[in-house]
Protein backbone atom coordinates (compact mmCIF):
# COMPACT_ATOMS: atom_id res chain seq x y z
CA MET A 1 -0.01 -0.01 0.01
CA LYS A 2 2.83 2.43 0.74
CA THR A 3 4.39 1.74 -2.62
CA TRP A 4 1.11 2.41 -4.43
CA LYS A 5 0.68 5.73 -2.60
CA SER A 6 4.21 6.72 -3.45
CA ASN A 7 3.70 5.82 -7.08
CA ALA A 8 0.40 7.64 -7.16
CA LEU A 9 2.09 10.67 -5.63
CA LEU A 10 4.88 10.51 -8.17
CA LEU A 11 2.35 10.17 -10.98
CA THR A 12 0.39 13.17 -9.63
CA LEU A 13 3.58 15.24 -9.31
CA GLY A 14 4.68 14.19 -12.76
CA CYS A 15 1.33 15.26 -14.24
CA SER A 16 1.45 18.53 -12.32
CA ILE A 17 4.96 19.30 -13.58
CA ALA A 18 3.93 18.44 -17.11
CA ALA A 19 0.92 20.74 -16.80
CA LEU A 20 3.12 23.56 -15.56
CA THR A 21 5.66 23.18 -18.31
CA ALA A 22 2.91 22.96 -20.98
CA SER A 23 1.76 26.53 -20.26
CA PRO A 24 3.74 29.75 -19.86
CA LEU A 25 5.18 30.26 -16.40
CA ARG A 26 4.95 34.07 -16.60
CA ALA A 27 2.28 36.25 -18.01
CA GLN A 28 3.22 38.34 -21.05
CA CYS A 29 2.60 42.05 -21.42
CA ALA A 30 3.22 44.21 -24.47
CA ASP A 31 6.45 46.26 -24.25
CA MET A 32 5.35 49.92 -24.54
CA SER A 33 8.75 51.40 -23.66
CA ASN A 34 8.97 53.17 -27.04
CA SER A 35 5.83 55.13 -26.12
CA VAL A 36 7.65 56.81 -23.27
CA SER A 37 10.24 59.58 -23.68
CA GLY A 38 12.53 60.56 -20.88
CA SER A 39 15.72 62.20 -19.74
CA ALA A 40 18.04 62.57 -16.81
CA LYS A 41 19.69 65.71 -15.47
CA VAL A 42 22.12 66.37 -12.66
CA ASN A 43 21.49 68.90 -9.90
CA GLY A 44 24.48 68.81 -7.56
CA THR A 45 24.66 65.22 -6.27
CA GLU A 46 21.07 64.49 -7.24
CA VAL A 47 20.11 62.81 -10.55
CA ILE A 48 16.55 63.68 -11.63
CA GLY A 49 14.65 61.56 -14.10
CA SER A 50 11.76 62.74 -16.20
CA MET A 51 9.44 60.68 -18.37
CA THR A 52 6.37 61.36 -20.50
CA ASN A 53 3.73 58.86 -21.61
CA ASN A 54 3.24 59.65 -25.33
CA SER A 55 0.67 56.90 -25.84
CA GLY A 56 -3.11 57.12 -25.65
CA GLN A 57 -3.35 54.59 -22.79
CA ASP A 58 -2.28 54.40 -19.15
CA LEU A 59 1.04 52.63 -18.64
CA TYR A 60 2.86 51.02 -15.75
CA VAL A 61 6.52 52.02 -15.87
CA TRP A 62 9.44 50.52 -14.06
CA TYR A 63 12.56 52.80 -13.97
CA THR A 64 16.10 52.88 -12.71
CA PHE A 65 19.19 55.09 -12.90
CA LYS A 66 22.71 54.18 -13.99
CA LYS A 67 24.99 53.13 -11.09
CA ASN A 68 28.62 52.01 -11.72
CA GLY A 69 27.99 52.15 -15.47
CA VAL A 70 24.93 49.82 -15.57
CA PRO A 71 21.22 49.94 -14.75
CA SER A 72 21.00 49.81 -10.95
CA THR A 73 19.17 47.01 -9.19
CA SER A 74 19.06 48.94 -5.91
CA MET A 75 15.65 50.31 -4.88
CA ALA A 76 17.54 53.51 -3.85
CA ASN A 77 17.89 54.11 -7.60
CA ALA A 78 14.75 52.42 -8.99
CA GLY A 79 10.99 52.33 -8.74
CA GLY A 80 7.80 52.03 -10.69
CA GLY A 81 4.30 53.38 -10.99
CA VAL A 82 1.41 54.40 -13.12
CA LEU A 83 2.00 56.98 -15.87
CA LYS A 84 -1.36 58.15 -17.27
CA ALA A 85 -1.81 58.88 -20.98
CA GLY A 86 -0.08 62.16 -21.81
CA GLN A 87 1.27 62.58 -18.27
CA THR A 88 4.82 63.70 -17.45
CA ASN A 89 6.40 62.66 -14.16
CA SER A 90 9.67 63.92 -12.69
CA GLU A 91 11.30 64.84 -9.40
CA GLY A 92 8.03 65.75 -7.73
CA GLY A 93 6.79 62.27 -8.62
CA GLY A 94 9.73 60.64 -6.82
CA ILE A 95 11.98 60.06 -9.83
CA TYR A 96 15.36 61.01 -8.39
CA SER A 97 18.45 59.44 -6.86
CA TYR A 98 21.34 60.60 -4.69
CA GLU A 99 23.36 57.43 -5.41
CA ALA A 100 23.22 57.25 -9.24
CA ASP A 101 26.13 58.01 -11.57
CA THR A 102 26.32 61.75 -12.37
CA ASN A 103 28.86 61.74 -15.17
CA PRO A 104 27.13 60.95 -17.37
CA ALA A 105 23.68 60.52 -15.81
CA ARG A 106 21.47 57.93 -17.41
CA PHE A 107 17.84 56.93 -16.87
CA TYR A 108 16.19 53.65 -17.99
CA TRP A 109 12.53 52.58 -18.16
CA TYR A 110 10.38 49.67 -19.18
CA ALA A 111 6.65 50.24 -19.74
CA VAL A 112 3.62 47.96 -20.24
CA PRO A 113 -0.12 48.78 -20.58
CA LEU A 114 -1.57 49.22 -17.11
CA SER A 115 -4.56 47.05 -17.99
CA GLN A 116 -2.25 44.15 -18.91
CA LYS A 117 -0.12 44.58 -15.78
CA ASN A 118 -3.25 44.46 -13.66
CA ALA A 119 -4.74 41.46 -15.47
CA ASN A 120 -1.56 39.43 -15.90
CA ASN A 121 0.58 40.54 -12.97
CA CYS A 122 3.48 41.39 -15.29
CA ARG A 123 6.80 42.22 -13.65
CA HIS A 124 10.17 43.61 -14.60
CA SER A 125 13.44 43.57 -12.77
CA TRP A 126 16.70 45.15 -13.71
């Protein structure tokens, strides 16, 4: 009886793994990064990012600043949030860093439709 339960468990696990691998493991969202324009400027030791949603739909945008020559993975230099259609967000919207590279300053972003992010739980990490 123990052997049968073990085999049944293995069969169940095997079917579950097959079912997981047969479908996508992560939801897909359309890359709308080209619908956003942005820039970075230096003000003393602060790097300020600015971005504008040039599309006709609300977007969710992840962003980060350059640190040690590459996109930073530190939350001190990164974030994300909703950028409504036609909206510009900058320093007053929390897009700044005191730890990012200043010479030259660089600002990166990745955008997806807000509706898809909400429906599919899309994520992005640097």
